[in-house]
Protein backbone atom coordinates (compact mmCIF):
# COMPACT_ATOMS: atom_id res chain seq x y z
CA UNK A 1 -1.36 -12.68 21.40
CA UNK A 2 2.22 -13.50 20.50
CA UNK A 3 3.75 -10.04 20.80
CA UNK A 4 7.17 -11.24 19.67
CA UNK A 5 5.77 -11.27 16.12
CA UNK A 6 5.27 -7.49 16.13
CA UNK A 7 7.40 -4.36 16.47
CA UNK A 8 4.70 -1.69 16.48
CA UNK A 9 1.05 -1.07 17.35
CA UNK A 10 -1.07 1.63 15.72
CA UNK A 11 -4.01 2.68 17.89
CA UNK A 12 -7.11 4.54 16.89
CA UNK A 13 -8.09 7.02 19.62
CA UNK A 14 -11.84 7.44 20.07
CA UNK A 15 -13.38 4.18 21.22
CA UNK A 16 -10.02 2.39 21.45
CA UNK A 17 -7.92 4.35 23.94
CA UNK A 18 -10.59 6.69 25.29
CA UNK A 19 -14.41 6.58 25.46
CA UNK A 20 -14.63 9.84 23.53
CA UNK A 21 -16.45 7.98 20.74
CA UNK A 22 -19.52 8.18 22.98
CA UNK A 23 -19.11 11.95 23.25
CA UNK A 24 -18.66 12.22 19.48
CA UNK A 25 -21.85 10.19 19.00
CA UNK A 26 -23.83 12.50 21.26
CA UNK A 27 -22.46 15.61 19.55
CA UNK A 28 -23.34 14.27 16.10
CA UNK A 29 -26.80 13.26 17.32
CA UNK A 30 -27.48 16.73 18.66
CA UNK A 31 -26.39 18.37 15.40
CA UNK A 32 -28.15 16.10 12.91
CA UNK A 33 -31.33 15.39 14.86
CA UNK A 34 -31.85 19.16 15.12
CA UNK A 35 -30.88 19.81 11.48
CA UNK A 36 -33.07 17.11 9.96
CA UNK A 37 -36.07 17.79 12.21
CA UNK A 38 -35.99 21.50 11.37
CA UNK A 39 -36.34 20.57 7.70
CA UNK A 40 -38.87 17.80 8.15
CA UNK A 41 -36.45 15.24 6.72
CA UNK A 42 -37.08 11.56 7.49
CA UNK A 43 -35.93 9.16 8.70
CA UNK A 44 -34.77 10.89 11.85
CA UNK A 45 -31.09 10.66 12.71
CA UNK A 46 -30.19 7.64 14.86
CA UNK A 47 -27.18 5.85 16.31
CA UNK A 48 -27.22 3.55 13.28
CA UNK A 49 -26.36 6.58 11.13
CA UNK A 50 -23.22 7.16 13.19
CA UNK A 51 -21.88 3.65 12.60
CA UNK A 52 -22.96 3.56 8.96
CA UNK A 53 -21.85 7.01 7.82
CA UNK A 54 -19.59 8.77 10.34
CA UNK A 55 -17.58 6.44 12.57
CA UNK A 56 -13.84 6.63 11.84
CA UNK A 57 -14.10 9.17 9.03
CA UNK A 58 -12.82 12.77 8.88
CA UNK A 59 -15.46 15.20 10.11
CA UNK A 60 -16.55 16.72 6.80
CA UNK A 61 -16.63 13.30 5.13
CA UNK A 62 -19.09 12.22 7.82
CA UNK A 63 -21.27 15.25 7.17
CA UNK A 64 -21.38 14.52 3.44
CA UNK A 65 -22.22 10.87 4.04
CA UNK A 66 -25.17 11.59 6.35
CA UNK A 67 -26.53 14.27 4.02
CA UNK A 68 -26.20 11.95 1.03
CA UNK A 69 -28.13 9.24 2.89
CA UNK A 70 -31.07 11.67 3.00
CA UNK A 71 -30.62 12.96 -0.54
CA UNK A 72 -29.41 16.36 0.68
CA UNK A 73 -26.73 18.33 -1.17
CA UNK A 74 -25.14 21.41 0.42
CA UNK A 75 -22.38 23.74 -0.75
CA UNK A 76 -18.98 22.62 0.51
CA UNK A 77 -18.16 25.96 2.11
CA UNK A 78 -14.81 26.65 3.77
CA UNK A 79 -13.18 25.25 6.92
CA UNK A 80 -13.44 28.75 8.39
CA UNK A 81 -17.26 28.75 8.10
CA UNK A 82 -18.92 29.67 11.38
CA UNK A 83 -20.97 27.02 13.19
CA UNK A 84 -24.54 27.19 11.93
CA UNK A 85 -23.55 28.10 8.37
CA UNK A 86 -25.60 26.13 5.84
CA UNK A 87 -22.61 24.33 4.30
CA UNK A 88 -20.86 21.01 4.78
CA UNK A 89 -18.09 22.79 6.68
CA UNK A 90 -20.57 24.83 8.68
CA UNK A 91 -22.36 21.69 9.89
CA UNK A 92 -19.05 20.01 10.69
CA UNK A 93 -17.96 23.05 12.67
CA UNK A 94 -21.26 23.04 14.55
CA UNK A 95 -20.47 19.51 15.64
CA UNK A 96 -16.99 20.61 16.73
CA UNK A 97 -18.49 23.38 18.86
CA UNK A 98 -20.84 20.91 20.57
CA UNK A 99 -18.00 18.43 21.10
CA UNK A 100 -15.72 21.03 22.65
CA UNK A 101 -18.45 21.96 25.11
CA UNK A 102 -19.12 18.34 26.10
CA UNK A 103 -15.41 17.57 26.56
CA UNK A 104 -14.96 20.68 28.72
CA UNK A 105 -17.92 19.69 30.88
CA UNK A 106 -17.14 15.99 31.25
CA UNK A 107 -13.38 15.50 30.77
CA UNK A 108 -11.78 12.29 29.45
CA UNK A 109 -10.64 9.09 31.16
CA UNK A 110 -8.76 6.39 29.27
CA UNK A 111 -10.08 2.83 29.26
CA UNK A 112 -8.24 0.90 32.02
CA UNK A 113 -7.74 -2.09 29.72
CA UNK A 114 -6.13 0.13 27.10
CA UNK A 115 -3.74 1.60 29.67
CA UNK A 116 -2.84 -1.92 30.82
CA UNK A 117 -1.99 -2.88 27.23
CA UNK A 118 0.12 0.27 26.78
CA UNK A 119 2.00 -0.66 29.96
CA UNK A 120 2.79 -4.12 28.61
CA UNK A 121 3.88 -2.81 25.21
CA UNK A 122 6.21 -0.33 26.94
CA UNK A 123 7.76 -3.19 28.93
CA UNK A 124 8.26 -5.13 25.69
CA UNK A 125 9.73 -2.06 23.91
CA UNK A 126 7.05 -2.31 21.21
CA UNK A 127 6.68 1.03 19.42
CA UNK A 128 3.24 2.68 19.54
CA UNK A 129 1.45 5.41 17.60
CA UNK A 130 -1.99 6.99 17.49
CA UNK A 131 -3.77 7.22 14.14
CA UNK A 132 -7.00 9.20 14.28
CA UNK A 133 -9.11 11.21 11.88
CA UNK A 134 -9.87 13.67 14.67
CA UNK A 135 -8.27 17.09 14.82
CA UNK A 136 -8.82 16.93 18.59
CA UNK A 137 -6.41 14.04 19.02
CA UNK A 138 -3.60 15.78 20.89
CA UNK A 139 -6.02 17.65 23.16
CA UNK A 140 -7.80 14.41 24.06
CA UNK A 141 -4.49 12.62 24.69
CA UNK A 142 -3.44 15.43 27.05
CA UNK A 143 -6.80 15.37 28.84
CA UNK A 144 -6.56 11.58 29.26
CA UNK A 145 -2.92 11.83 30.46
CA UNK A 146 -1.68 9.71 27.57
CA UNK A 147 0.25 12.32 25.59
CA UNK A 148 3.65 11.22 26.90
CA UNK A 149 2.99 7.67 25.71
CA UNK A 150 3.07 8.54 22.01
CA UNK A 151 5.92 10.12 20.09
CA UNK A 152 4.12 9.51 16.79
CA UNK A 153 0.62 10.94 16.33
CA UNK A 154 -0.98 10.94 12.89
CA UNK A 155 -4.16 12.95 13.30
CA UNK A 156 -6.54 15.03 11.22
CA UNK A 157 -4.20 18.00 11.31
CA UNK A 158 -1.19 16.08 10.00
CA UNK A 159 -3.33 14.31 7.40
CA UNK A 160 -4.55 17.68 6.13
CA UNK A 161 -1.06 19.18 6.08
CA UNK A 162 0.44 16.20 4.21
CA UNK A 163 -2.53 15.58 1.92
CA UNK A 164 -3.20 12.10 3.30
CA UNK A 165 -6.54 10.47 2.60
CA UNK A 166 -8.62 9.60 5.65
CA UNK A 167 -9.94 6.18 6.60
CA UNK A 168 -11.01 3.83 4.99
CA UNK A 169 -7.87 4.68 3.00
CA UNK A 170 -4.77 3.13 4.56
CA UNK A 171 -2.64 6.25 4.01
CA UNK A 172 -2.64 7.53 7.61
CA UNK A 173 -1.78 4.10 9.02
CA UNK A 174 0.99 3.62 6.47
CA UNK A 175 2.41 7.03 7.37
CA UNK A 176 2.40 6.15 11.07
CA UNK A 177 4.25 2.89 10.42
CA UNK A 178 6.77 4.83 8.35
CA UNK A 179 7.32 7.36 11.14
CA UNK A 180 7.79 4.55 13.66
CA UNK A 181 10.21 2.79 11.32
CA UNK A 182 8.18 -0.42 11.56
CA UNK A 183 7.54 -2.73 8.58
CA UNK A 184 3.85 -3.03 7.75
CA UNK A 185 3.83 -6.80 8.22
CA UNK A 186 5.28 -6.33 11.72
CA UNK A 187 2.66 -3.79 12.78
CA UNK A 188 -0.73 -4.22 14.45
CA UNK A 189 -3.72 -1.96 13.79
CA UNK A 190 -6.30 -1.64 16.59
CA UNK A 191 -9.61 -0.05 15.58
CA UNK A 192 -13.24 0.12 16.69
CA UNK A 193 -14.65 1.64 13.48
CA UNK A 194 -15.57 -0.18 10.28
CA UNK A 195 -13.71 2.43 8.23
CA UNK A 196 -10.61 2.02 10.38
CA UNK A 197 -10.65 -1.77 10.23
CA UNK A 198 -11.05 -1.56 6.46
CA UNK A 199 -8.06 0.79 6.32
CA UNK A 200 -5.93 -1.63 8.32
CA UNK A 201 -6.86 -4.48 6.01
CA UNK A 202 -6.22 -2.38 2.89
CA UNK A 203 -2.76 -1.50 4.20
CA UNK A 204 -1.71 -5.14 4.48
CA UNK A 205 -0.79 -4.90 8.17
CA UNK A 206 0.38 -7.95 10.07
CA UNK A 207 -2.70 -8.03 12.31
CA UNK A 208 -5.92 -6.03 12.42
CA UNK A 209 -7.74 -6.08 15.77
CA UNK A 210 -11.33 -4.87 15.96
CA UNK A 211 -12.64 -3.50 19.26
CA UNK A 212 -16.40 -3.94 19.51
CA UNK A 213 -17.72 -0.81 21.20
CA UNK A 214 -21.05 -1.00 19.37
CA UNK A 215 -20.34 -1.61 15.70
CA UNK A 216 -20.80 -5.37 16.16
CA UNK A 217 -18.21 -8.15 16.11
CA UNK A 218 -19.47 -9.72 12.89
CA UNK A 219 -19.50 -6.36 11.13
CA UNK A 220 -15.87 -5.72 12.12
CA UNK A 221 -14.83 -9.19 11.00
CA UNK A 222 -16.53 -8.66 7.65
CA UNK A 223 -14.71 -5.33 7.30
CA UNK A 224 -11.38 -7.12 7.62
CA UNK A 225 -10.55 -7.63 11.30
CA UNK A 226 -8.51 -10.74 12.05
CA UNK A 227 -9.87 -10.87 15.59
CA UNK A 228 -12.40 -8.88 17.62
CA UNK A 229 -12.21 -8.10 21.34
CA UNK A 230 -14.49 -6.17 23.65
CA UNK A 231 -11.67 -4.62 25.64
CA UNK A 232 -7.94 -4.30 25.09
CA UNK A 233 -7.31 -6.02 28.43
CA UNK A 234 -7.96 -9.22 26.45
CA UNK A 235 -4.65 -8.61 24.61
CA UNK A 236 -2.61 -8.28 27.80
CA UNK A 237 -0.46 -11.38 28.37
CA UNK A 238 1.64 -10.38 31.36
């Protein structure tokens, strides 16, 4: 890395800064394996479904994608639908309920390599932001003791309030760069999800780094990553 080329870094959260992607995966698996089995729908839900249909997307978009992969159409419902309601929103809210329980039971610890990179960027006065589809972003940052590292957070809540399209659209990344005051060609996007990498490429950012936490290095490169690492410690130069 030649950090002098860049003025800002835009981090995804789950799977990049914190291992909460694993908790999300387990929550989705619990919801969809139960839902599909109860209806006798095959094939059964698997981890491949997470990477193909859910990873990096807003929650309800992920629900729609998995249902569509099985030829299932449900009413959209409302965001206020109770968990267990037979709607897209109801299924998404069921997942949220499961996730909240798992996070409360297990807590969150940031990846050491990611913290090391944040330390270096702070020393270099490189601006940083978090860009995540999750509406849990600020809670997870607080739990992982990273909240004070980020003045700019573009999460699911802000995207909803401002009408920004979620990943693979570049809109949330572009908004974060705008809030940081960093030109797009001087900003780095760091993502572990195919949808997020595709968003970084679509936005024309100066560098798109894929973090292989299970999606596969070749898959991330094909989606538009300039380089793929297994841990952000690989980007630390000091």
